[in-house]
Amino acid sequence: DPEHRYKSGKFKGLTLRERLLASKVESPSGCWEWSESRFDNGYGSINYKDSKRYGAHRVSAEVFLLEDTRGKTVRHSCDNRLCINPDHLVVGTPADNSADMTRKMRQAWGEKNNGAKLTAQDVKSLRILASYLPCVTLASIYGLCPAHTKRIIDRKAWSNL
């Protein structure tokens, strides 16, 4: 509710819209950076309604874009987690968010992927050894399944190397 008014604290009497505007710092890039509390993941947080913490960018999208963000993602076109500028916010689906992440090359590739069992050097070595050893043997050596080992050898997995 954009007309929600704070009843106590330093924002007493302000509407939610006024509270958001009072807690932003404009950057040269046009971002409105949230200057108050943050979640551990770096996104701004705001206490609202029932005193629960909400993402400041999500609340900004609801207030300024008049969008219901429940069950949706709110993305930053500027890639600045602290930005609450409605011109930089896009409401969409989790699939939209994944596509955006892929397009901007922000997904965890190779060794940066927490689930990766191999290093880049392992992959290079595995591909060299593929000329001498069967795929099943290589899979056993590297602790992989044979199908995935074959995908690595054929450059369908770890294709960036």
Protein backbone atom coordinates (compact mmCIF):
# COMPACT_ATOMS: atom_id res chain seq x y z
CA ASP A 1 0.00 0.00 0.00
CA PRO A 2 1.85 3.16 -1.19
CA GLU A 3 -0.22 5.26 1.21
CA HIS A 4 0.94 3.25 4.24
CA ARG A 5 2.28 5.68 6.84
CA TYR A 6 4.97 4.88 9.36
CA LYS A 7 3.73 5.27 12.92
CA SER A 8 7.06 5.50 14.74
CA GLY A 9 10.78 5.91 14.32
CA LYS A 10 12.68 8.36 12.18
CA PHE A 11 10.22 7.92 9.30
CA LYS A 12 7.14 8.63 11.42
CA GLY A 13 4.37 10.21 9.35
CA LEU A 14 5.96 9.43 5.97
CA THR A 15 4.17 7.39 3.34
CA LEU A 16 5.95 4.36 1.97
CA ARG A 17 6.71 6.30 -1.23
CA GLU A 18 8.23 9.16 0.82
CA ARG A 19 10.21 6.65 2.91
CA LEU A 20 11.73 5.09 -0.23
CA LEU A 21 12.66 8.50 -1.63
CA ALA A 22 14.14 9.59 1.71
CA SER A 23 16.39 6.53 1.82
CA LYS A 24 17.95 6.75 -1.62
CA VAL A 25 21.24 8.21 -2.78
CA GLU A 26 21.40 9.07 -6.46
CA SER A 27 24.50 7.87 -8.28
CA PRO A 28 26.00 9.26 -11.52
CA SER A 29 24.68 6.14 -13.32
CA GLY A 30 21.11 7.13 -12.47
CA CYS A 31 20.71 4.45 -9.82
CA TRP A 32 18.82 5.27 -6.66
CA GLU A 33 20.98 3.35 -4.19
CA TRP A 34 19.28 2.15 -1.03
CA SER A 35 21.11 3.70 1.93
CA GLU A 36 19.45 1.76 4.74
CA SER A 37 19.72 -1.84 5.94
CA ARG A 38 20.68 -4.74 3.70
CA PHE A 39 20.20 -8.46 3.52
CA ASP A 40 23.31 -10.66 3.67
CA ASN A 41 23.11 -11.11 -0.12
CA GLY A 42 23.64 -7.39 -0.71
CA TYR A 43 20.07 -6.39 -1.57
CA GLY A 44 18.48 -3.52 0.34
CA SER A 45 15.90 -4.46 2.95
CA ILE A 46 13.00 -2.50 4.34
CA ASN A 47 10.61 -3.17 7.20
CA TYR A 48 7.08 -2.73 5.94
CA LYS A 49 3.47 -3.49 6.84
CA ASP A 50 3.70 -6.28 9.37
CA SER A 51 7.29 -5.31 10.28
CA LYS A 52 8.67 -8.08 8.09
CA ARG A 53 11.75 -7.38 5.99
CA TYR A 54 11.19 -7.04 2.26
CA GLY A 55 13.56 -6.38 -0.61
CA ALA A 56 13.71 -2.61 -1.07
CA HIS A 57 13.75 -3.04 -4.87
CA ARG A 58 10.61 -5.22 -4.70
CA VAL A 59 8.79 -2.64 -2.57
CA SER A 60 9.92 0.10 -4.95
CA ALA A 61 8.49 -1.86 -7.91
CA GLU A 62 5.18 -2.23 -6.10
CA VAL A 63 5.01 1.44 -5.09
CA PHE A 64 6.28 3.17 -8.24
CA LEU A 65 5.39 0.66 -10.97
CA LEU A 66 2.16 -0.41 -9.27
CA GLU A 67 3.11 -4.06 -9.85
CA ASP A 68 2.17 -6.99 -7.66
CA THR A 69 5.51 -8.79 -7.26
CA ARG A 70 4.24 -11.88 -5.42
CA GLY A 71 5.55 -14.99 -7.17
CA LYS A 72 7.58 -12.87 -9.59
CA THR A 73 11.16 -11.71 -9.81
CA VAL A 74 12.22 -8.08 -9.82
CA ARG A 75 15.33 -7.65 -11.91
CA HIS A 76 17.73 -4.73 -12.08
CA SER A 77 18.49 -3.64 -15.66
CA CYS A 78 21.48 -1.81 -14.13
CA ASP A 79 22.70 -4.95 -12.27
CA ASN A 80 23.01 -2.90 -9.06
CA ARG A 81 21.48 -4.82 -6.14
CA LEU A 82 21.00 -1.64 -4.13
CA CYS A 83 19.15 0.22 -6.86
CA ILE A 84 15.49 1.08 -6.23
CA ASN A 85 15.02 3.37 -9.27
CA PRO A 86 11.78 2.17 -10.89
CA ASP A 87 13.24 2.99 -14.32
CA HIS A 88 15.88 0.31 -13.64
CA LEU A 89 13.47 -2.36 -12.35
CA VAL A 90 11.77 -5.02 -14.45
CA VAL A 91 9.10 -7.34 -13.06
CA GLY A 92 9.00 -10.78 -14.63
CA THR A 93 9.14 -14.52 -14.15
CA PRO A 94 11.96 -16.69 -12.81
CA ALA A 95 12.48 -17.85 -16.43
CA ASP A 96 12.96 -14.20 -17.47
CA ASN A 97 15.53 -13.85 -14.70
CA SER A 98 17.44 -16.96 -15.84
CA ALA A 99 17.42 -15.79 -19.45
CA ASP A 100 18.71 -12.39 -18.35
CA MET A 101 21.46 -14.02 -16.30
CA THR A 102 22.52 -16.18 -19.27
CA ARG A 103 22.41 -13.26 -21.72
CA LYS A 104 24.62 -11.20 -19.40
CA MET A 105 26.97 -14.15 -18.79
CA ARG A 106 26.45 -14.02 -15.00
CA GLN A 107 25.85 -17.72 -14.42
CA ALA A 108 28.50 -19.83 -12.73
CA TRP A 109 30.61 -21.44 -15.44
CA GLY A 110 33.15 -24.21 -15.08
CA GLU A 111 35.04 -24.21 -11.79
CA LYS A 112 32.91 -21.34 -10.44
CA ASN A 113 29.90 -23.66 -10.44
CA ASN A 114 29.59 -25.03 -6.89
CA GLY A 115 28.63 -28.43 -8.30
CA ALA A 116 31.71 -28.76 -10.52
CA LYS A 117 33.82 -31.83 -9.81
CA LEU A 118 36.55 -30.83 -12.24
CA THR A 119 38.93 -27.95 -12.72
CA ALA A 120 39.77 -26.50 -16.13
CA GLN A 121 43.10 -28.37 -15.96
CA ASP A 122 41.25 -31.64 -15.22
CA VAL A 123 39.12 -31.15 -18.32
CA LYS A 124 42.15 -30.48 -20.51
CA SER A 125 43.90 -33.57 -19.14
CA LEU A 126 40.80 -35.71 -19.55
CA ARG A 127 40.52 -34.71 -23.21
CA ILE A 128 44.17 -35.56 -23.84
CA LEU A 129 43.80 -38.92 -22.09
CA ALA A 130 40.69 -39.66 -24.18
CA SER A 131 43.04 -40.50 -27.05
CA TYR A 132 44.54 -43.32 -24.97
CA LEU A 133 41.91 -44.56 -22.52
CA PRO A 134 38.29 -45.66 -22.88
CA CYS A 135 35.56 -43.28 -21.73
CA VAL A 136 34.46 -45.68 -18.95
CA THR A 137 37.99 -45.74 -17.51
CA LEU A 138 38.24 -41.96 -17.61
CA ALA A 139 34.84 -41.67 -15.91
CA SER A 140 36.09 -43.89 -13.11
CA ILE A 141 39.36 -41.96 -12.73
CA TYR A 142 37.60 -38.57 -12.53
CA GLY A 143 34.57 -39.73 -10.52
CA LEU A 144 32.09 -38.94 -13.29
CA CYS A 145 29.41 -40.92 -15.05
CA PRO A 146 30.43 -42.22 -18.50
CA ALA A 147 27.71 -40.19 -20.28
CA HIS A 148 28.97 -36.91 -18.81
CA THR A 149 32.57 -37.88 -19.53
CA LYS A 150 31.60 -38.41 -23.18
CA ARG A 151 29.92 -34.98 -23.25
CA ILE A 152 33.14 -33.39 -21.96
CA ILE A 153 35.25 -35.22 -24.55
CA ASP A 154 32.82 -34.18 -27.32
CA ARG A 155 32.89 -30.56 -26.04
CA LYS A 156 29.17 -30.53 -25.31
CA ALA A 157 30.05 -29.93 -21.66
CA TRP A 158 32.83 -27.54 -20.68
CA SER A 159 32.52 -26.15 -24.21
CA ASN A 160 34.23 -22.94 -23.14
CA LEU A 161 37.57 -24.82 -23.04
